[in-house]
Each structure stands twice: as structure tokens, then as C-alpha cells.
PDB file of all heavy atoms in Angstrom:
ATOM      1  N   VAL A   1       4.068   8.811 -12.222  1.00  0.00           N
ATOM      2  CA  VAL A   1       4.958   7.751 -11.845  1.00  0.00           C
ATOM      3  C   VAL A   1       5.960   8.295 -10.845  1.00  0.00           C
ATOM      4  O   VAL A   1       6.344   7.532  -9.926  1.00  0.00           O
ATOM      5  CB  VAL A   1       5.680   7.205 -13.134  1.00  0.00           C
ATOM      6  CG1 VAL A   1       6.798   6.291 -12.760  1.00  0.00           C
ATOM      7  CG2 VAL A   1       4.695   6.561 -14.033  1.00  0.00           C
ATOM      8  N   SER A   2       6.448   9.530 -10.991  1.00  0.00           N
ATOM      9  CA  SER A   2       7.456  10.059 -10.050  1.00  0.00           C
ATOM     10  C   SER A   2       6.824  10.257  -8.687  1.00  0.00           C
ATOM     11  O   SER A   2       7.423  10.015  -7.642  1.00  0.00           O
ATOM     12  CB  SER A   2       8.019  11.330 -10.535  1.00  0.00           C
ATOM     13  OG  SER A   2       7.083  12.334 -10.639  1.00  0.00           O
ATOM     14  N   MET A   3       5.528  10.535  -8.646  1.00  0.00           N
ATOM     15  CA  MET A   3       4.824  10.764  -7.357  1.00  0.00           C
ATOM     16  C   MET A   3       4.727   9.373  -6.653  1.00  0.00           C
ATOM     17  O   MET A   3       4.926   9.235  -5.473  1.00  0.00           O
ATOM     18  CB  MET A   3       3.428  11.270  -7.538  1.00  0.00           C
ATOM     19  CG  MET A   3       2.671  11.536  -6.255  1.00  0.00           C
ATOM     20  SD  MET A   3       1.036  12.266  -6.540  1.00  0.00           S
ATOM     21  CE  MET A   3       0.187  10.933  -7.321  1.00  0.00           C
ATOM     22  N   ILE A   4       4.418   8.313  -7.412  1.00  0.00           N
ATOM     23  CA  ILE A   4       4.354   6.966  -6.831  1.00  0.00           C
ATOM     24  C   ILE A   4       5.691   6.531  -6.267  1.00  0.00           C
ATOM     25  O   ILE A   4       5.812   5.996  -5.198  1.00  0.00           O
ATOM     26  CB  ILE A   4       3.794   5.970  -7.888  1.00  0.00           C
ATOM     27  CG1 ILE A   4       2.330   6.229  -8.176  1.00  0.00           C
ATOM     28  CG2 ILE A   4       4.041   4.522  -7.421  1.00  0.00           C
ATOM     29  CD1 ILE A   4       1.791   5.356  -9.315  1.00  0.00           C
ATOM     30  N   GLN A   5       6.737   6.804  -7.060  1.00  0.00           N
ATOM     31  CA  GLN A   5       8.036   6.461  -6.589  1.00  0.00           C
ATOM     32  C   GLN A   5       8.454   7.195  -5.352  1.00  0.00           C
ATOM     33  O   GLN A   5       9.090   6.679  -4.439  1.00  0.00           O
ATOM     34  CB  GLN A   5       9.081   6.663  -7.679  1.00  0.00           C
ATOM     35  CG  GLN A   5       8.931   5.713  -8.844  1.00  0.00           C
ATOM     36  CD  GLN A   5       9.868   6.011 -10.015  1.00  0.00           C
ATOM     37  OE1 GLN A   5      10.431   7.152 -10.077  1.00  0.00           O
ATOM     38  NE2 GLN A   5      10.059   5.075 -10.911  1.00  0.00           N
ATOM     39  N   PHE A   6       8.048   8.463  -5.300  1.00  0.00           N
ATOM     40  CA  PHE A   6       8.380   9.294  -4.055  1.00  0.00           C
ATOM     41  C   PHE A   6       7.723   8.651  -2.849  1.00  0.00           C
ATOM     42  O   PHE A   6       8.342   8.483  -1.796  1.00  0.00           O
ATOM     43  CB  PHE A   6       7.895  10.700  -4.257  1.00  0.00           C
ATOM     44  CG  PHE A   6       7.880  11.547  -3.004  1.00  0.00           C
ATOM     45  CD1 PHE A   6       9.121  12.051  -2.479  1.00  0.00           C
ATOM     46  CD2 PHE A   6       6.764  11.816  -2.309  1.00  0.00           C
ATOM     47  CE1 PHE A   6       9.159  12.775  -1.350  1.00  0.00           C
ATOM     48  CE2 PHE A   6       6.784  12.556  -1.130  1.00  0.00           C
ATOM     49  CZ  PHE A   6       7.994  13.019  -0.675  1.00  0.00           C
ATOM     50  N   PHE A   7       6.410   8.321  -2.947  1.00  0.00           N
ATOM     51  CA  PHE A   7       5.732   7.731  -1.800  1.00  0.00           C
ATOM     52  C   PHE A   7       6.247   6.327  -1.522  1.00  0.00           C
ATOM     53  O   PHE A   7       6.188   5.898  -0.316  1.00  0.00           O
ATOM     54  CB  PHE A   7       4.241   7.766  -1.987  1.00  0.00           C
ATOM     55  CG  PHE A   7       3.690   9.139  -1.723  1.00  0.00           C
ATOM     56  CD1 PHE A   7       3.229   9.936  -2.757  1.00  0.00           C
ATOM     57  CD2 PHE A   7       3.581   9.613  -0.403  1.00  0.00           C
ATOM     58  CE1 PHE A   7       2.726  11.189  -2.501  1.00  0.00           C
ATOM     59  CE2 PHE A   7       3.058  10.866  -0.153  1.00  0.00           C
ATOM     60  CZ  PHE A   7       2.674  11.671  -1.220  1.00  0.00           C
ATOM     61  N   GLN A   8       6.712   5.617  -2.486  1.00  0.00           N
ATOM     62  CA  GLN A   8       7.305   4.275  -2.208  1.00  0.00           C
ATOM     63  C   GLN A   8       8.550   4.485  -1.329  1.00  0.00           C
ATOM     64  O   GLN A   8       8.762   3.700  -0.375  1.00  0.00           O
ATOM     65  CB  GLN A   8       7.650   3.569  -3.493  1.00  0.00           C
ATOM     66  CG  GLN A   8       6.435   2.936  -4.180  1.00  0.00           C
ATOM     67  CD  GLN A   8       6.815   2.256  -5.471  1.00  0.00           C
ATOM     68  OE1 GLN A   8       7.808   2.593  -6.076  1.00  0.00           O
ATOM     69  NE2 GLN A   8       6.000   1.347  -5.901  1.00  0.00           N
ATOM     70  N   VAL A   9       9.336   5.422  -1.646  1.00  0.00           N
ATOM     71  CA  VAL A   9      10.557   5.669  -0.815  1.00  0.00           C
ATOM     72  C   VAL A   9      10.142   6.174   0.565  1.00  0.00           C
ATOM     73  O   VAL A   9      10.795   5.717   1.561  1.00  0.00           O
ATOM     74  CB  VAL A   9      11.463   6.765  -1.535  1.00  0.00           C
ATOM     75  CG1 VAL A   9      12.560   7.189  -0.601  1.00  0.00           C
ATOM     76  CG2 VAL A   9      11.984   6.153  -2.845  1.00  0.00           C
ATOM     77  N   VAL A  10       9.157   6.998   0.641  1.00  0.00           N
ATOM     78  CA  VAL A  10       8.692   7.444   1.986  1.00  0.00           C
ATOM     79  C   VAL A  10       8.224   6.265   2.856  1.00  0.00           C
ATOM     80  O   VAL A  10       8.578   6.162   4.002  1.00  0.00           O
ATOM     81  CB  VAL A  10       7.598   8.532   1.831  1.00  0.00           C
ATOM     82  CG1 VAL A  10       6.895   8.865   3.178  1.00  0.00           C
ATOM     83  CG2 VAL A  10       8.202   9.826   1.271  1.00  0.00           C
ATOM     84  N   PHE A  11       7.414   5.426   2.249  1.00  0.00           N
ATOM     85  CA  PHE A  11       6.876   4.272   2.983  1.00  0.00           C
ATOM     86  C   PHE A  11       7.964   3.297   3.292  1.00  0.00           C
ATOM     87  O   PHE A  11       7.992   2.619   4.327  1.00  0.00           O
ATOM     88  CB  PHE A  11       5.716   3.600   2.294  1.00  0.00           C
ATOM     89  CG  PHE A  11       4.404   4.294   2.484  1.00  0.00           C
ATOM     90  CD1 PHE A  11       3.967   5.279   1.620  1.00  0.00           C
ATOM     91  CD2 PHE A  11       3.617   3.925   3.579  1.00  0.00           C
ATOM     92  CE1 PHE A  11       2.790   5.960   1.825  1.00  0.00           C
ATOM     93  CE2 PHE A  11       2.409   4.598   3.763  1.00  0.00           C
ATOM     94  CZ  PHE A  11       1.966   5.633   2.901  1.00  0.00           C
ATOM     95  N   LEU A  12       8.924   3.117   2.395  1.00  0.00           N
ATOM     96  CA  LEU A  12      10.088   2.246   2.713  1.00  0.00           C
ATOM     97  C   LEU A  12      10.889   2.735   3.884  1.00  0.00           C
ATOM     98  O   LEU A  12      11.201   1.962   4.789  1.00  0.00           O
ATOM     99  CB  LEU A  12      10.982   2.133   1.459  1.00  0.00           C
ATOM    100  CG  LEU A  12      12.225   1.274   1.558  1.00  0.00           C
ATOM    101  CD1 LEU A  12      11.804  -0.209   1.580  1.00  0.00           C
ATOM    102  CD2 LEU A  12      13.136   1.495   0.422  1.00  0.00           C
ATOM    103  N   ILE A  13      11.172   3.997   3.913  1.00  0.00           N
ATOM    104  CA  ILE A  13      11.877   4.562   5.096  1.00  0.00           C
ATOM    105  C   ILE A  13      11.063   4.453   6.370  1.00  0.00           C
ATOM    106  O   ILE A  13      11.603   4.080   7.414  1.00  0.00           O
ATOM    107  CB  ILE A  13      12.223   6.061   4.831  1.00  0.00           C
ATOM    108  CG1 ILE A  13      13.291   6.119   3.678  1.00  0.00           C
ATOM    109  CG2 ILE A  13      12.755   6.782   6.064  1.00  0.00           C
ATOM    110  CD1 ILE A  13      13.509   7.513   3.111  1.00  0.00           C
ATOM    111  N   ALA A  14       9.763   4.748   6.284  1.00  0.00           N
ATOM    112  CA  ALA A  14       8.922   4.647   7.511  1.00  0.00           C
ATOM    113  C   ALA A  14       8.827   3.181   7.985  1.00  0.00           C
ATOM    114  O   ALA A  14       8.854   2.958   9.189  1.00  0.00           O
ATOM    115  CB  ALA A  14       7.526   5.121   7.148  1.00  0.00           C
ATOM    116  N   ALA A  15       8.796   2.227   7.084  1.00  0.00           N
ATOM    117  CA  ALA A  15       8.716   0.822   7.501  1.00  0.00           C
ATOM    118  C   ALA A  15       9.989   0.397   8.181  1.00  0.00           C
ATOM    119  O   ALA A  15       9.955  -0.303   9.214  1.00  0.00           O
ATOM    120  CB  ALA A  15       8.420  -0.084   6.247  1.00  0.00           C
ATOM    121  N   VAL A  16      11.114   0.835   7.668  1.00  0.00           N
ATOM    122  CA  VAL A  16      12.421   0.445   8.277  1.00  0.00           C
ATOM    123  C   VAL A  16      12.500   1.085   9.643  1.00  0.00           C
ATOM    124  O   VAL A  16      12.955   0.413  10.595  1.00  0.00           O
ATOM    125  CB  VAL A  16      13.595   0.847   7.322  1.00  0.00           C
ATOM    126  CG1 VAL A  16      14.890   0.745   8.071  1.00  0.00           C
ATOM    127  CG2 VAL A  16      13.606   0.013   6.085  1.00  0.00           C
ATOM    128  N   ILE A  17      12.168   2.370   9.762  1.00  0.00           N
ATOM    129  CA  ILE A  17      12.221   3.029  11.053  1.00  0.00           C
ATOM    130  C   ILE A  17      11.295   2.337  12.093  1.00  0.00           C
ATOM    131  O   ILE A  17      11.696   2.138  13.238  1.00  0.00           O
ATOM    132  CB  ILE A  17      11.891   4.539  10.884  1.00  0.00           C
ATOM    133  CG1 ILE A  17      13.032   5.285  10.179  1.00  0.00           C
ATOM    134  CG2 ILE A  17      11.621   5.182  12.249  1.00  0.00           C
ATOM    135  CD1 ILE A  17      12.682   6.675   9.787  1.00  0.00           C
ATOM    136  N   LEU A  18      10.105   2.009  11.652  1.00  0.00           N
ATOM    137  CA  LEU A  18       9.165   1.337  12.565  1.00  0.00           C
ATOM    138  C   LEU A  18       9.668  -0.036  13.028  1.00  0.00           C
ATOM    139  O   LEU A  18       9.542  -0.400  14.206  1.00  0.00           O
ATOM    140  CB  LEU A  18       7.818   1.252  11.925  1.00  0.00           C
ATOM    141  CG  LEU A  18       6.633   0.716  12.755  1.00  0.00           C
ATOM    142  CD1 LEU A  18       6.470   1.593  14.013  1.00  0.00           C
ATOM    143  CD2 LEU A  18       5.397   0.598  11.926  1.00  0.00           C
ATOM    144  N   LEU A  19      10.269  -0.744  12.125  1.00  0.00           N
ATOM    145  CA  LEU A  19      10.803  -2.075  12.482  1.00  0.00           C
ATOM    146  C   LEU A  19      12.007  -1.917  13.430  1.00  0.00           C
ATOM    147  O   LEU A  19      12.099  -2.681  14.459  1.00  0.00           O
ATOM    148  CB  LEU A  19      11.238  -2.877  11.247  1.00  0.00           C
ATOM    149  CG  LEU A  19      10.108  -3.446  10.452  1.00  0.00           C
ATOM    150  CD1 LEU A  19      10.661  -4.065   9.165  1.00  0.00           C
ATOM    151  CD2 LEU A  19       9.338  -4.450  11.242  1.00  0.00           C
ATOM    152  N   VAL A  20      12.848  -0.926  13.271  1.00  0.00           N
ATOM    153  CA  VAL A  20      13.960  -0.676  14.184  1.00  0.00           C
ATOM    154  C   VAL A  20      13.430  -0.250  15.546  1.00  0.00           C
ATOM    155  O   VAL A  20      13.922  -0.783  16.558  1.00  0.00           O
ATOM    156  CB  VAL A  20      14.917   0.355  13.585  1.00  0.00           C
ATOM    157  CG1 VAL A  20      15.922   0.859  14.654  1.00  0.00           C
ATOM    158  CG2 VAL A  20      15.649  -0.154  12.344  1.00  0.00           C
ATOM    159  N   LEU A  21      12.443   0.608  15.574  1.00  0.00           N
ATOM    160  CA  LEU A  21      11.875   0.995  16.836  1.00  0.00           C
ATOM    161  C   LEU A  21      11.216  -0.176  17.578  1.00  0.00           C
ATOM    162  O   LEU A  21      11.303  -0.275  18.782  1.00  0.00           O
ATOM    163  CB  LEU A  21      10.866   2.106  16.645  1.00  0.00           C
ATOM    164  CG  LEU A  21      11.437   3.469  16.301  1.00  0.00           C
ATOM    165  CD1 LEU A  21      10.300   4.448  15.961  1.00  0.00           C
ATOM    166  CD2 LEU A  21      12.376   3.974  17.371  1.00  0.00           C
ATOM    167  N   ASN A  22      10.569  -1.067  16.849  1.00  0.00           N
ATOM    168  CA  ASN A  22       9.987  -2.244  17.504  1.00  0.00           C
ATOM    169  C   ASN A  22      11.013  -3.202  17.971  1.00  0.00           C
ATOM    170  O   ASN A  22      10.827  -3.790  19.061  1.00  0.00           O
ATOM    171  CB  ASN A  22       9.009  -2.961  16.509  1.00  0.00           C
ATOM    172  CG  ASN A  22       7.707  -2.334  16.423  1.00  0.00           C
ATOM    173  OD1 ASN A  22       7.348  -1.446  17.242  1.00  0.00           O
ATOM    174  ND2 ASN A  22       6.895  -2.711  15.456  1.00  0.00           N
ATOM    175  N   VAL A  23      12.128  -3.363  17.281  1.00  0.00           N
ATOM    176  CA  VAL A  23      13.177  -4.264  17.764  1.00  0.00           C
ATOM    177  C   VAL A  23      13.811  -3.631  19.054  1.00  0.00           C
ATOM    178  O   VAL A  23      14.072  -4.384  20.021  1.00  0.00           O
ATOM    179  CB  VAL A  23      14.272  -4.452  16.655  1.00  0.00           C
ATOM    180  CG1 VAL A  23      15.522  -5.043  17.232  1.00  0.00           C
ATOM    181  CG2 VAL A  23      13.705  -5.285  15.579  1.00  0.00           C
ATOM    182  N   LEU A  24      14.043  -2.305  19.038  1.00  0.00           N
ATOM    183  CA  LEU A  24      14.599  -1.685  20.233  1.00  0.00           C
ATOM    184  C   LEU A  24      13.636  -1.821  21.429  1.00  0.00           C
ATOM    185  O   LEU A  24      14.056  -2.046  22.596  1.00  0.00           O
ATOM    186  CB  LEU A  24      14.898  -0.240  20.024  1.00  0.00           C
ATOM    187  CG  LEU A  24      15.981   0.070  19.017  1.00  0.00           C
ATOM    188  CD1 LEU A  24      16.109   1.557  18.723  1.00  0.00           C
ATOM    189  CD2 LEU A  24      17.319  -0.449  19.558  1.00  0.00           C
ATOM    190  N   ASP A  25      12.371  -1.712  21.166  1.00  0.00           N
ATOM    191  CA  ASP A  25      11.311  -1.843  22.259  1.00  0.00           C
ATOM    192  C   ASP A  25      11.308  -3.259  22.800  1.00  0.00           C
ATOM    193  O   ASP A  25      11.232  -3.469  24.030  1.00  0.00           O
ATOM    194  CB  ASP A  25       9.928  -1.400  21.728  1.00  0.00           C
ATOM    195  CG  ASP A  25       8.953  -1.125  22.824  1.00  0.00           C
ATOM    196  OD1 ASP A  25       9.361  -0.632  23.900  1.00  0.00           O
ATOM    197  OD2 ASP A  25       7.764  -1.412  22.649  1.00  0.00           O
ATOM    198  N   PHE A  26      11.367  -4.209  21.867  1.00  0.00           N
ATOM    199  CA  PHE A  26      11.424  -5.598  22.317  1.00  0.00           C
ATOM    200  C   PHE A  26      12.653  -5.934  23.145  1.00  0.00           C
ATOM    201  O   PHE A  26      12.628  -6.654  24.142  1.00  0.00           O
ATOM    202  CB  PHE A  26      11.344  -6.540  21.085  1.00  0.00           C
ATOM    203  CG  PHE A  26      11.335  -8.011  21.451  1.00  0.00           C
ATOM    204  CD1 PHE A  26      10.181  -8.592  21.939  1.00  0.00           C
ATOM    205  CD2 PHE A  26      12.462  -8.758  21.348  1.00  0.00           C
ATOM    206  CE1 PHE A  26      10.143  -9.922  22.304  1.00  0.00           C
ATOM    207  CE2 PHE A  26      12.420 -10.114  21.665  1.00  0.00           C
ATOM    208  CZ  PHE A  26      11.274 -10.685  22.137  1.00  0.00           C
ATOM    209  N   ASN A  27      13.853  -5.390  22.697  1.00  0.00           N
ATOM    210  CA  ASN A  27      15.071  -5.594  23.496  1.00  0.00           C
ATOM    211  C   ASN A  27      14.973  -5.011  24.887  1.00  0.00           C
ATOM    212  O   ASN A  27      15.407  -5.572  25.850  1.00  0.00           O
ATOM    213  CB  ASN A  27      16.270  -4.991  22.721  1.00  0.00           C
ATOM    214  CG  ASN A  27      16.626  -5.826  21.519  1.00  0.00           C
ATOM    215  OD1 ASN A  27      16.286  -6.989  21.441  1.00  0.00           O
ATOM    216  ND2 ASN A  27      17.349  -5.215  20.626  1.00  0.00           N
ATOM    217  N   LYS A  28      14.318  -3.786  25.016  1.00  0.00           N
ATOM    218  CA  LYS A  28      14.131  -3.250  26.328  1.00  0.00           C
ATOM    219  C   LYS A  28      13.250  -4.146  27.221  1.00  0.00           C
ATOM    220  O   LYS A  28      13.464  -4.320  28.400  1.00  0.00           O
ATOM    221  CB  LYS A  28      13.500  -1.859  26.228  1.00  0.00           C
ATOM    222  CG  LYS A  28      14.385  -0.773  25.733  1.00  0.00           C
ATOM    223  CD  LYS A  28      13.635   0.528  25.703  1.00  0.00           C
ATOM    224  CE  LYS A  28      14.494   1.579  25.019  1.00  0.00           C
ATOM    225  NZ  LYS A  28      13.708   2.842  24.921  1.00  0.00           N
ATOM    226  N   TRP A  29      12.204  -4.687  26.556  1.00  0.00           N
ATOM    227  CA  TRP A  29      11.283  -5.593  27.309  1.00  0.00           C
ATOM    228  C   TRP A  29      12.040  -6.853  27.716  1.00  0.00           C
ATOM    229  O   TRP A  29      11.859  -7.330  28.858  1.00  0.00           O
ATOM    230  CB  TRP A  29      10.094  -5.957  26.411  1.00  0.00           C
ATOM    231  CG  TRP A  29       9.202  -6.961  27.025  1.00  0.00           C
ATOM    232  CD1 TRP A  29       8.241  -6.741  27.961  1.00  0.00           C
ATOM    233  CD2 TRP A  29       9.151  -8.390  26.719  1.00  0.00           C
ATOM    234  NE1 TRP A  29       7.554  -7.916  28.294  1.00  0.00           N
ATOM    235  CE2 TRP A  29       8.155  -8.958  27.511  1.00  0.00           C
ATOM    236  CE3 TRP A  29       9.871  -9.231  25.829  1.00  0.00           C
ATOM    237  CZ2 TRP A  29       7.848 -10.304  27.493  1.00  0.00           C
ATOM    238  CZ3 TRP A  29       9.560 -10.564  25.813  1.00  0.00           C
ATOM    239  CH2 TRP A  29       8.580 -11.094  26.622  1.00  0.00           C
ATOM    240  N   GLN A  30      12.836  -7.413  26.845  1.00  0.00           N
ATOM    241  CA  GLN A  30      13.607  -8.601  27.151  1.00  0.00           C
ATOM    242  C   GLN A  30      14.622  -8.326  28.254  1.00  0.00           C
ATOM    243  O   GLN A  30      14.857  -9.200  29.147  1.00  0.00           O
ATOM    244  CB  GLN A  30      14.343  -9.083  25.908  1.00  0.00           C
ATOM    245  CG  GLN A  30      14.558 -10.539  25.835  1.00  0.00           C
ATOM    246  CD  GLN A  30      15.077 -11.003  24.478  1.00  0.00           C
ATOM    247  OE1 GLN A  30      15.611 -10.218  23.710  1.00  0.00           O
ATOM    248  NE2 GLN A  30      14.827 -12.250  24.145  1.00  0.00           N
ATOM    249  N   GLU A  31      15.256  -7.173  28.253  1.00  0.00           N
ATOM    250  CA  GLU A  31      16.195  -6.842  29.335  1.00  0.00           C
ATOM    251  C   GLU A  31      15.548  -6.666  30.674  1.00  0.00           C
ATOM    252  O   GLU A  31      16.071  -6.991  31.715  1.00  0.00           O
ATOM    253  CB  GLU A  31      16.966  -5.501  29.003  1.00  0.00           C
ATOM    254  CG  GLU A  31      17.990  -5.669  27.934  1.00  0.00           C
ATOM    255  CD  GLU A  31      19.196  -6.413  28.401  1.00  0.00           C
ATOM    256  OE1 GLU A  31      19.619  -6.311  29.525  1.00  0.00           O
ATOM    257  OE2 GLU A  31      19.766  -7.203  27.492  1.00  0.00           O
ATOM    258  N   GLY A  32      14.281  -6.161  30.646  1.00  0.00           N
ATOM    259  CA  GLY A  32      13.549  -5.931  31.840  1.00  0.00           C
ATOM    260  C   GLY A  32      13.070  -7.279  32.497  1.00  0.00           C
ATOM    261  O   GLY A  32      12.745  -7.280  33.731  1.00  0.00           O
ATOM    262  N   LYS A  33      13.058  -8.357  31.714  1.00  0.00           N
ATOM    263  CA  LYS A  33      12.654  -9.610  32.229  1.00  0.00           C
ATOM    264  C   LYS A  33      13.814 -10.389  32.985  1.00  0.00           C
ATOM    265  O   LYS A  33      13.565 -11.340  33.721  1.00  0.00           O
ATOM    266  CB  LYS A  33      12.114 -10.516  31.171  1.00  0.00           C
ATOM    267  CG  LYS A  33      10.671 -10.127  30.681  1.00  0.00           C
ATOM    268  CD  LYS A  33      10.099 -11.103  29.762  1.00  0.00           C
ATOM    269  CE  LYS A  33       9.856 -12.350  30.610  1.00  0.00           C
ATOM    270  NZ  LYS A  33       9.024 -13.324  29.976  1.00  0.00           N
ATOM    271  N   LYS A  34      14.997  -9.946  32.723  1.00  0.00           N
ATOM    272  CA  LYS A  34      16.148 -10.637  33.334  1.00  0.00           C
ATOM    273  C   LYS A  34      16.176 -10.441  34.858  1.00  0.00           C
ATOM    274  O   LYS A  34      15.639  -9.492  35.387  1.00  0.00           O
ATOM    275  CB  LYS A  34      17.473 -10.097  32.755  1.00  0.00           C
ATOM    276  CG  LYS A  34      17.672 -10.528  31.341  1.00  0.00           C
ATOM    277  CD  LYS A  34      19.030 -10.042  30.816  1.00  0.00           C
ATOM    278  CE  LYS A  34      19.260 -10.515  29.414  1.00  0.00           C
ATOM    279  NZ  LYS A  34      20.516 -10.048  28.886  1.00  0.00           N
ATOM    280  N   GLU A  35      16.819 -11.346  35.489  1.00  0.00           N
ATOM    281  CA  GLU A  35      16.967 -11.249  36.985  1.00  0.00           C
ATOM    282  C   GLU A  35      17.795 -10.091  37.281  1.00  0.00           C
ATOM    283  O   GLU A  35      18.792  -9.748  36.619  1.00  0.00           O
ATOM    284  CB  GLU A  35      17.636 -12.498  37.537  1.00  0.00           C
ATOM    285  CG  GLU A  35      16.669 -13.627  37.742  1.00  0.00           C
ATOM    286  CD  GLU A  35      17.332 -14.794  38.503  1.00  0.00           C
ATOM    287  OE1 GLU A  35      18.033 -14.572  39.476  1.00  0.00           O
ATOM    288  OE2 GLU A  35      17.141 -15.958  37.965  1.00  0.00           O
ATOM    289  N   GLY A  36      17.478  -9.393  38.350  1.00  0.00           N
ATOM    290  CA  GLY A  36      18.241  -8.273  38.792  1.00  0.00           C
ATOM    291  C   GLY A  36      17.858  -6.931  38.175  1.00  0.00           C
ATOM    292  O   GLY A  36      18.401  -5.864  38.538  1.00  0.00           O
ATOM    293  N   SER A  37      16.899  -6.966  37.255  1.00  0.00           N
ATOM    294  CA  SER A  37      16.464  -5.676  36.649  1.00  0.00           C
ATOM    295  C   SER A  37      15.588  -4.985  37.641  1.00  0.00           C
ATOM    296  O   SER A  37      14.741  -5.608  38.372  1.00  0.00           O
ATOM    297  CB  SER A  37      15.764  -5.918  35.385  1.00  0.00           C
ATOM    298  OG  SER A  37      14.552  -6.624  35.557  1.00  0.00           O
ATOM    299  N   THR A  38      15.716  -3.717  37.793  1.00  0.00           N
ATOM    300  CA  THR A  38      14.951  -2.947  38.757  1.00  0.00           C
ATOM    301  C   THR A  38      13.502  -2.681  38.369  1.00  0.00           C
ATOM    302  O   THR A  38      12.611  -2.808  39.172  1.00  0.00           O
ATOM    303  CB  THR A  38      15.646  -1.564  39.007  1.00  0.00           C
ATOM    304  OG1 THR A  38      15.795  -0.894  37.791  1.00  0.00           O
ATOM    305  CG2 THR A  38      17.016  -1.802  39.658  1.00  0.00           C
ATOM    306  N   LYS A  39      13.308  -2.403  37.068  1.00  0.00           N
ATOM    307  CA  LYS A  39      11.933  -2.106  36.604  1.00  0.00           C
ATOM    308  C   LYS A  39      11.736  -2.738  35.243  1.00  0.00           C
ATOM    309  O   LYS A  39      12.448  -2.470  34.331  1.00  0.00           O
ATOM    310  CB  LYS A  39      11.792  -0.582  36.497  1.00  0.00           C
ATOM    311  CG  LYS A  39      10.386  -0.144  36.135  1.00  0.00           C
ATOM    312  CD  LYS A  39      10.313   1.352  36.033  1.00  0.00           C
ATOM    313  CE  LYS A  39       8.925   1.774  35.550  1.00  0.00           C
ATOM    314  NZ  LYS A  39       8.854   3.241  35.306  1.00  0.00           N
ATOM    315  N   PRO A  40      10.728  -3.641  35.154  1.00  0.00           N
ATOM    316  CA  PRO A  40      10.481  -4.220  33.870  1.00  0.00           C
ATOM    317  C   PRO A  40       9.839  -3.210  32.860  1.00  0.00           C
ATOM    318  O   PRO A  40       9.105  -2.315  33.245  1.00  0.00           O
ATOM    319  CB  PRO A  40       9.438  -5.290  34.194  1.00  0.00           C
ATOM    320  CG  PRO A  40       8.809  -4.909  35.465  1.00  0.00           C
ATOM    321  CD  PRO A  40       9.813  -4.072  36.217  1.00  0.00           C
ATOM    322  N   HIS A  41      10.211  -3.359  31.629  1.00  0.00           N
ATOM    323  CA  HIS A  41       9.730  -2.460  30.619  1.00  0.00           C
ATOM    324  C   HIS A  41       8.387  -3.022  30.021  1.00  0.00           C
ATOM    325  O   HIS A  41       8.400  -4.137  29.491  1.00  0.00           O
ATOM    326  CB  HIS A  41      10.759  -2.361  29.444  1.00  0.00           C
ATOM    327  CG  HIS A  41      10.299  -1.500  28.334  1.00  0.00           C
ATOM    328  ND1 HIS A  41      10.334  -0.103  28.429  1.00  0.00           N
ATOM    329  CD2 HIS A  41       9.886  -1.755  27.119  1.00  0.00           C
ATOM    330  CE1 HIS A  41       9.902   0.435  27.315  1.00  0.00           C
ATOM    331  NE2 HIS A  41       9.642  -0.534  26.488  1.00  0.00           N
ATOM    332  N   PRO A  42       7.305  -2.280  30.130  1.00  0.00           N
ATOM    333  CA  PRO A  42       6.003  -2.795  29.650  1.00  0.00           C
ATOM    334  C   PRO A  42       5.949  -2.748  28.112  1.00  0.00           C
ATOM    335  O   PRO A  42       6.589  -1.858  27.522  1.00  0.00           O
ATOM    336  CB  PRO A  42       4.998  -1.873  30.283  1.00  0.00           C
ATOM    337  CG  PRO A  42       5.728  -0.598  30.480  1.00  0.00           C
ATOM    338  CD  PRO A  42       7.143  -1.006  30.802  1.00  0.00           C
ATOM    339  N   ILE A  43       5.298  -3.629  27.536  1.00  0.00           N
ATOM    340  CA  ILE A  43       5.081  -3.631  26.100  1.00  0.00           C
ATOM    341  C   ILE A  43       3.609  -3.927  25.769  1.00  0.00           C
ATOM    342  O   ILE A  43       3.016  -4.714  26.406  1.00  0.00           O
ATOM    343  CB  ILE A  43       6.023  -4.660  25.395  1.00  0.00           C
ATOM    344  CG1 ILE A  43       6.091  -4.425  23.902  1.00  0.00           C
ATOM    345  CG2 ILE A  43       5.608  -6.042  25.713  1.00  0.00           C
ATOM    346  CD1 ILE A  43       7.247  -5.221  23.280  1.00  0.00           C
TER     347      ILE A  43
END
């Protein structure tokens, strides 16, 4: 049971980090689409 709880915490942290990185990547892509941006961010 403690092993399962450990991996649940590991996957919870990994999921939160992945979602934050995806939001940051999406924001970079959205900023790259605005007028006046020098280089669009590919996604």
C-alpha cells in the first residue's frame, strides 16, 4: 500500500508539471501569433 501511495504521489507531481509545461508552451505559441512578433513559436 505504501508503494502504491508513493507512485501515486510521483504521478501526481509528474501530471502537474506536464500540464504546466503544456500551458507555458501554448502561451508561447499564442504570443508568436500576435502581430509584430519576430518569430512564431512552433507547436
